[in-house]
Amino acid sequence: MKEKVEKVLDEIRTMLRADGGDVELVDVTDGVVKVRLQGACAACPSAQMTLRMGVEKTLKEKIPGIKEVVEA
């Protein structure tokens, strides 16, 4: 499962890096993905929206079994 999540995150990273940010995969346990937002994304006021509407939504669409994405 971790490999699948990393592949999808690679797709998302393109958009995040364009804005000076990034996302690091910390862990995947029982359908819960733990990530760490980095760079501009870590301090951005819209970080939670990016996490929910960008990262979580995309992971849930592409990988069955993902329940939620949380910040580590």
PDB file of N, CA and C in Angstrom:
ATOM      1  N   MET A   1       0.836  -1.202   0.000  1.00  0.00           N
ATOM      2  CA  MET A   1       0.000   0.000   0.000  1.00  0.00           C
ATOM      3  C   MET A   1       0.872   1.254   0.000  1.00  0.00           C
ATOM      4  N   LYS A   2       1.983   1.208   0.729  1.00  0.00           N
ATOM      5  CA  LYS A   2       2.849   2.378   0.807  1.00  0.00           C
ATOM      6  C   LYS A   2       3.370   2.787  -0.567  1.00  0.00           C
ATOM      7  N   GLU A   3       3.694   1.804  -1.391  1.00  0.00           N
ATOM      8  CA  GLU A   3       4.207   2.093  -2.729  1.00  0.00           C
ATOM      9  C   GLU A   3       3.149   2.784  -3.586  1.00  0.00           C
ATOM     10  N   LYS A   4       1.897   2.324  -3.469  1.00  0.00           N
ATOM     11  CA  LYS A   4       0.806   2.938  -4.226  1.00  0.00           C
ATOM     12  C   LYS A   4       0.612   4.396  -3.797  1.00  0.00           C
ATOM     13  N   VAL A   5       0.646   4.617  -2.493  1.00  0.00           N
ATOM     14  CA  VAL A   5       0.473   5.970  -1.962  1.00  0.00           C
ATOM     15  C   VAL A   5       1.602   6.867  -2.461  1.00  0.00           C
ATOM     16  N   GLU A   6       2.821   6.361  -2.435  1.00  0.00           N
ATOM     17  CA  GLU A   6       3.976   7.155  -2.883  1.00  0.00           C
ATOM     18  C   GLU A   6       3.835   7.540  -4.359  1.00  0.00           C
ATOM     19  N   LYS A   7       3.319   6.626  -5.182  1.00  0.00           N
ATOM     20  CA  LYS A   7       3.120   6.922  -6.613  1.00  0.00           C
ATOM     21  C   LYS A   7       2.129   8.065  -6.800  1.00  0.00           C
ATOM     22  N   VAL A   8       1.031   8.013  -6.064  1.00  0.00           N
ATOM     23  CA  VAL A   8       0.021   9.072  -6.180  1.00  0.00           C
ATOM     24  C   VAL A   8       0.583  10.386  -5.644  1.00  0.00           C
ATOM     25  N   LEU A   9       1.320  10.324  -4.553  1.00  0.00           N
ATOM     26  CA  LEU A   9       1.929  11.546  -4.015  1.00  0.00           C
ATOM     27  C   LEU A   9       2.891  12.168  -5.017  1.00  0.00           C
ATOM     28  N   ASP A  10       3.576  11.346  -5.791  1.00  0.00           N
ATOM     29  CA  ASP A  10       4.466  11.880  -6.825  1.00  0.00           C
ATOM     30  C   ASP A  10       3.694  12.733  -7.822  1.00  0.00           C
ATOM     31  N   GLU A  11       2.466  12.328  -8.152  1.00  0.00           N
ATOM     32  CA  GLU A  11       1.628  13.111  -9.063  1.00  0.00           C
ATOM     33  C   GLU A  11       1.228  14.442  -8.418  1.00  0.00           C
ATOM     34  N   ILE A  12       0.908  14.397  -7.139  1.00  0.00           N
ATOM     35  CA  ILE A  12       0.475  15.587  -6.408  1.00  0.00           C
ATOM     36  C   ILE A  12       1.642  16.554  -6.210  1.00  0.00           C
ATOM     37  N   ARG A  13       2.823  16.003  -6.002  1.00  0.00           N
ATOM     38  CA  ARG A  13       4.006  16.831  -5.733  1.00  0.00           C
ATOM     39  C   ARG A  13       4.274  17.856  -6.829  1.00  0.00           C
ATOM     40  N   THR A  14       3.974  17.516  -8.050  1.00  0.00           N
ATOM     41  CA  THR A  14       4.196  18.445  -9.161  1.00  0.00           C
ATOM     42  C   THR A  14       3.491  19.767  -8.892  1.00  0.00           C
ATOM     43  N   MET A  15       2.239  19.693  -8.467  1.00  0.00           N
ATOM     44  CA  MET A  15       1.473  20.907  -8.177  1.00  0.00           C
ATOM     45  C   MET A  15       2.013  21.631  -6.947  1.00  0.00           C
ATOM     46  N   LEU A  16       2.345  20.870  -5.905  1.00  0.00           N
ATOM     47  CA  LEU A  16       2.835  21.482  -4.677  1.00  0.00           C
ATOM     48  C   LEU A  16       4.179  22.167  -4.898  1.00  0.00           C
ATOM     49  N   ARG A  17       5.041  21.523  -5.644  1.00  0.00           N
ATOM     50  CA  ARG A  17       6.375  22.088  -5.898  1.00  0.00           C
ATOM     51  C   ARG A  17       6.299  23.357  -6.736  1.00  0.00           C
ATOM     52  N   ALA A  18       5.298  23.461  -7.574  1.00  0.00           N
ATOM     53  CA  ALA A  18       5.116  24.674  -8.377  1.00  0.00           C
ATOM     54  C   ALA A  18       4.872  25.888  -7.486  1.00  0.00           C
ATOM     55  N   ASP A  19       4.320  25.630  -6.281  1.00  0.00           N
ATOM     56  CA  ASP A  19       4.058  26.708  -5.328  1.00  0.00           C
ATOM     57  C   ASP A  19       5.107  26.770  -4.218  1.00  0.00           C
ATOM     58  N   GLY A  20       6.191  26.016  -4.369  1.00  0.00           N
ATOM     59  CA  GLY A  20       7.261  26.052  -3.383  1.00  0.00           C
ATOM     60  C   GLY A  20       7.068  25.110  -2.208  1.00  0.00           C
ATOM     61  N   GLY A  21       6.178  24.147  -2.351  1.00  0.00           N
ATOM     62  CA  GLY A  21       5.920  23.211  -1.262  1.00  0.00           C
ATOM     63  C   GLY A  21       6.231  21.781  -1.644  1.00  0.00           C
ATOM     64  N   ASP A  22       5.915  20.875  -0.742  1.00  0.00           N
ATOM     65  CA  ASP A  22       6.121  19.451  -0.985  1.00  0.00           C
ATOM     66  C   ASP A  22       5.335  18.676   0.073  1.00  0.00           C
ATOM     67  N   VAL A  23       5.290  17.361  -0.091  1.00  0.00           N
ATOM     68  CA  VAL A  23       4.637  16.496   0.876  1.00  0.00           C
ATOM     69  C   VAL A  23       5.507  15.260   1.066  1.00  0.00           C
ATOM     70  N   GLU A  24       5.666  14.864   2.319  1.00  0.00           N
ATOM     71  CA  GLU A  24       6.470  13.693   2.656  1.00  0.00           C
ATOM     72  C   GLU A  24       5.556  12.629   3.249  1.00  0.00           C
ATOM     73  N   LEU A  25       5.686  11.398   2.765  1.00  0.00           N
ATOM     74  CA  LEU A  25       4.926  10.280   3.319  1.00  0.00           C
ATOM     75  C   LEU A  25       5.613   9.817   4.591  1.00  0.00           C
ATOM     76  N   VAL A  26       4.867   9.796   5.690  1.00  0.00           N
ATOM     77  CA  VAL A  26       5.413   9.361   6.973  1.00  0.00           C
ATOM     78  C   VAL A  26       5.061   7.906   7.231  1.00  0.00           C
ATOM     79  N   ASP A  27       3.773   7.542   7.031  1.00  0.00           N
ATOM     80  CA  ASP A  27       3.343   6.179   7.320  1.00  0.00           C
ATOM     81  C   ASP A  27       1.973   5.919   6.718  1.00  0.00           C
ATOM     82  N   VAL A  28       1.672   4.644   6.524  1.00  0.00           N
ATOM     83  CA  VAL A  28       0.337   4.208   6.116  1.00  0.00           C
ATOM     84  C   VAL A  28      -0.038   3.052   7.027  1.00  0.00           C
ATOM     85  N   THR A  29      -1.127   3.215   7.790  1.00  0.00           N
ATOM     86  CA  THR A  29      -1.567   2.184   8.719  1.00  0.00           C
ATOM     87  C   THR A  29      -3.079   2.075   8.679  1.00  0.00           C
ATOM     88  N   ASP A  30      -3.576   0.893   8.352  1.00  0.00           N
ATOM     89  CA  ASP A  30      -5.025   0.628   8.355  1.00  0.00           C
ATOM     90  C   ASP A  30      -5.820   1.666   7.577  1.00  0.00           C
ATOM     91  N   GLY A  31      -5.327   2.075   6.418  1.00  0.00           N
ATOM     92  CA  GLY A  31      -6.037   3.015   5.570  1.00  0.00           C
ATOM     93  C   GLY A  31      -5.866   4.472   5.942  1.00  0.00           C
ATOM     94  N   VAL A  32      -5.073   4.741   6.970  1.00  0.00           N
ATOM     95  CA  VAL A  32      -4.800   6.115   7.385  1.00  0.00           C
ATOM     96  C   VAL A  32      -3.397   6.483   6.905  1.00  0.00           C
ATOM     97  N   VAL A  33      -3.335   7.532   6.101  1.00  0.00           N
ATOM     98  CA  VAL A  33      -2.062   7.990   5.537  1.00  0.00           C
ATOM     99  C   VAL A  33      -1.583   9.188   6.349  1.00  0.00           C
ATOM    100  N   LYS A  34      -0.357   9.089   6.860  1.00  0.00           N
ATOM    101  CA  LYS A  34       0.241  10.192   7.611  1.00  0.00           C
ATOM    102  C   LYS A  34       1.264  10.866   6.714  1.00  0.00           C
ATOM    103  N   VAL A  35       1.098  12.177   6.552  1.00  0.00           N
ATOM    104  CA  VAL A  35       2.012  12.951   5.713  1.00  0.00           C
ATOM    105  C   VAL A  35       2.500  14.179   6.466  1.00  0.00           C
ATOM    106  N   ARG A  36       3.570  14.753   5.947  1.00  0.00           N
ATOM    107  CA  ARG A  36       4.100  15.994   6.493  1.00  0.00           C
ATOM    108  C   ARG A  36       4.224  16.982   5.339  1.00  0.00           C
ATOM    109  N   LEU A  37       3.518  18.094   5.441  1.00  0.00           N
ATOM    110  CA  LEU A  37       3.634  19.145   4.433  1.00  0.00           C
ATOM    111  C   LEU A  37       4.944  19.879   4.670  1.00  0.00           C
ATOM    112  N   GLN A  38       5.622  20.245   3.579  1.00  0.00           N
ATOM    113  CA  GLN A  38       6.929  20.871   3.691  1.00  0.00           C
ATOM    114  C   GLN A  38       7.001  22.148   2.862  1.00  0.00           C
ATOM    115  N   GLY A  39       8.051  22.913   3.098  1.00  0.00           N
ATOM    116  CA  GLY A  39       8.277  24.132   2.334  1.00  0.00           C
ATOM    117  C   GLY A  39       7.161  25.132   2.542  1.00  0.00           C
ATOM    118  N   ALA A  40       6.757  25.780   1.473  1.00  0.00           N
ATOM    119  CA  ALA A  40       5.709  26.796   1.546  1.00  0.00           C
ATOM    120  C   ALA A  40       4.393  26.218   2.053  1.00  0.00           C
ATOM    121  N   CYS A  41       4.149  24.938   1.804  1.00  0.00           N
ATOM    122  CA  CYS A  41       2.890  24.313   2.230  1.00  0.00           C
ATOM    123  C   CYS A  41       2.791  24.196   3.753  1.00  0.00           C
ATOM    124  N   ALA A  42       3.926  24.046   4.427  1.00  0.00           N
ATOM    125  CA  ALA A  42       3.921  23.872   5.879  1.00  0.00           C
ATOM    126  C   ALA A  42       3.396  25.109   6.597  1.00  0.00           C
ATOM    127  N   ALA A  43       3.680  26.281   6.074  1.00  0.00           N
ATOM    128  CA  ALA A  43       3.286  27.526   6.734  1.00  0.00           C
ATOM    129  C   ALA A  43       2.109  28.220   6.061  1.00  0.00           C
ATOM    130  N   CYS A  44       1.575  27.625   5.031  1.00  0.00           N
ATOM    131  CA  CYS A  44       0.505  28.252   4.262  1.00  0.00           C
ATOM    132  C   CYS A  44      -0.816  28.242   5.035  1.00  0.00           C
ATOM    133  N   PRO A  45      -1.554  29.350   4.998  1.00  0.00           N
ATOM    134  CA  PRO A  45      -2.860  29.391   5.664  1.00  0.00           C
ATOM    135  C   PRO A  45      -3.856  28.391   5.056  1.00  0.00           C
ATOM    136  N   SER A  46      -3.621  27.992   3.836  1.00  0.00           N
ATOM    137  CA  SER A  46      -4.519  27.040   3.170  1.00  0.00           C
ATOM    138  C   SER A  46      -4.028  25.596   3.271  1.00  0.00           C
ATOM    139  N   ALA A  47      -3.116  25.328   4.182  1.00  0.00           N
ATOM    140  CA  ALA A  47      -2.517  23.991   4.288  1.00  0.00           C
ATOM    141  C   ALA A  47      -3.567  22.912   4.536  1.00  0.00           C
ATOM    142  N   GLN A  48      -4.525  23.165   5.416  1.00  0.00           N
ATOM    143  CA  GLN A  48      -5.540  22.151   5.699  1.00  0.00           C
ATOM    144  C   GLN A  48      -6.427  21.891   4.482  1.00  0.00           C
ATOM    145  N   MET A  49      -6.710  22.922   3.717  1.00  0.00           N
ATOM    146  CA  MET A  49      -7.498  22.743   2.502  1.00  0.00           C
ATOM    147  C   MET A  49      -6.694  21.921   1.489  1.00  0.00           C
ATOM    148  N   THR A  50      -5.413  22.213   1.372  1.00  0.00           N
ATOM    149  CA  THR A  50      -4.543  21.443   0.477  1.00  0.00           C
ATOM    150  C   THR A  50      -4.525  19.987   0.909  1.00  0.00           C
ATOM    151  N   LEU A  51      -4.421  19.761   2.204  1.00  0.00           N
ATOM    152  CA  LEU A  51      -4.380  18.401   2.728  1.00  0.00           C
ATOM    153  C   LEU A  51      -5.675  17.654   2.434  1.00  0.00           C
ATOM    154  N   ARG A  52      -6.815  18.274   2.680  1.00  0.00           N
ATOM    155  CA  ARG A  52      -8.116  17.609   2.500  1.00  0.00           C
ATOM    156  C   ARG A  52      -8.562  17.547   1.035  1.00  0.00           C
ATOM    157  N   MET A  53      -8.575  18.694   0.384  1.00  0.00           N
ATOM    158  CA  MET A  53      -9.133  18.773  -0.968  1.00  0.00           C
ATOM    159  C   MET A  53      -8.138  18.352  -2.049  1.00  0.00           C
ATOM    160  N   GLY A  54      -6.876  18.371  -1.737  1.00  0.00           N
ATOM    161  CA  GLY A  54      -5.870  17.978  -2.716  1.00  0.00           C
ATOM    162  C   GLY A  54      -5.353  16.582  -2.461  1.00  0.00           C
ATOM    163  N   VAL A  55      -4.632  16.427  -1.372  1.00  0.00           N
ATOM    164  CA  VAL A  55      -3.955  15.169  -1.072  1.00  0.00           C
ATOM    165  C   VAL A  55      -4.960  14.062  -0.744  1.00  0.00           C
ATOM    166  N   GLU A  56      -5.821  14.289   0.244  1.00  0.00           N
ATOM    167  CA  GLU A  56      -6.756  13.243   0.677  1.00  0.00           C
ATOM    168  C   GLU A  56      -7.726  12.853  -0.440  1.00  0.00           C
ATOM    169  N   LYS A  57      -8.301  13.827  -1.092  1.00  0.00           N
ATOM    170  CA  LYS A  57      -9.269  13.550  -2.159  1.00  0.00           C
ATOM    171  C   LYS A  57      -8.634  12.714  -3.275  1.00  0.00           C
ATOM    172  N   THR A  58      -7.440  13.086  -3.697  1.00  0.00           N
ATOM    173  CA  THR A  58      -6.766  12.365  -4.776  1.00  0.00           C
ATOM    174  C   THR A  58      -6.415  10.939  -4.349  1.00  0.00           C
ATOM    175  N   LEU A  59      -5.891  10.779  -3.141  1.00  0.00           N
ATOM    176  CA  LEU A  59      -5.546   9.438  -2.666  1.00  0.00           C
ATOM    177  C   LEU A  59      -6.779   8.540  -2.570  1.00  0.00           C
ATOM    178  N   LYS A  60      -7.878   9.074  -2.047  1.00  0.00           N
ATOM    179  CA  LYS A  60      -9.108   8.282  -1.934  1.00  0.00           C
ATOM    180  C   LYS A  60      -9.657   7.877  -3.300  1.00  0.00           C
ATOM    181  N   GLU A  61      -9.549   8.775  -4.274  1.00  0.00           N
ATOM    182  CA  GLU A  61     -10.035   8.473  -5.624  1.00  0.00           C
ATOM    183  C   GLU A  61      -9.203   7.376  -6.296  1.00  0.00           C
ATOM    184  N   LYS A  62      -7.912   7.390  -6.065  1.00  0.00           N
ATOM    185  CA  LYS A  62      -7.018   6.499  -6.800  1.00  0.00           C
ATOM    186  C   LYS A  62      -6.680   5.201  -6.076  1.00  0.00           C
ATOM    187  N   ILE A  63      -6.870   5.164  -4.760  1.00  0.00           N
ATOM    188  CA  ILE A  63      -6.518   3.968  -3.998  1.00  0.00           C
ATOM    189  C   ILE A  63      -7.684   3.568  -3.092  1.00  0.00           C
ATOM    190  N   PRO A  64      -8.374   2.495  -3.456  1.00  0.00           N
ATOM    191  CA  PRO A  64      -9.450   1.999  -2.574  1.00  0.00           C
ATOM    192  C   PRO A  64      -8.854   1.592  -1.220  1.00  0.00           C
ATOM    193  N   GLY A  65      -9.560   1.885  -0.176  1.00  0.00           N
ATOM    194  CA  GLY A  65      -9.080   1.501   1.157  1.00  0.00           C
ATOM    195  C   GLY A  65      -8.478   2.638   1.950  1.00  0.00           C
ATOM    196  N   ILE A  66      -8.236   3.779   1.299  1.00  0.00           N
ATOM    197  CA  ILE A  66      -7.728   4.930   2.039  1.00  0.00           C
ATOM    198  C   ILE A  66      -8.909   5.559   2.768  1.00  0.00           C
ATOM    199  N   LYS A  67      -8.795   5.668   4.087  1.00  0.00           N
ATOM    200  CA  LYS A  67      -9.874   6.218   4.910  1.00  0.00           C
ATOM    201  C   LYS A  67      -9.709   7.711   5.137  1.00  0.00           C
ATOM    202  N   GLU A  68      -8.478   8.115   5.446  1.00  0.00           N
ATOM    203  CA  GLU A  68      -8.225   9.530   5.685  1.00  0.00           C
ATOM    204  C   GLU A  68      -6.736   9.832   5.588  1.00  0.00           C
ATOM    205  N   VAL A  69      -6.447  11.104   5.477  1.00  0.00           N
ATOM    206  CA  VAL A  69      -5.066  11.582   5.438  1.00  0.00           C
ATOM    207  C   VAL A  69      -4.923  12.563   6.608  1.00  0.00           C
ATOM    208  N   VAL A  70      -3.903  12.334   7.416  1.00  0.00           N
ATOM    209  CA  VAL A  70      -3.665  13.202   8.562  1.00  0.00           C
ATOM    210  C   VAL A  70      -2.252  13.747   8.503  1.00  0.00           C
ATOM    211  N   GLU A  71      -2.067  14.909   9.112  1.00  0.00           N
ATOM    212  CA  GLU A  71      -0.740  15.515   9.156  1.00  0.00           C
ATOM    213  C   GLU A  71       0.022  14.948  10.347  1.00  0.00           C
ATOM    214  N   ALA A  72       1.238  14.545  10.099  1.00  0.00           N
ATOM    215  CA  ALA A  72       2.076  13.959  11.159  1.00  0.00           C
ATOM    216  C   ALA A  72       2.833  15.038  11.900  1.00  0.00           C
TER     217      ALA A  72
END
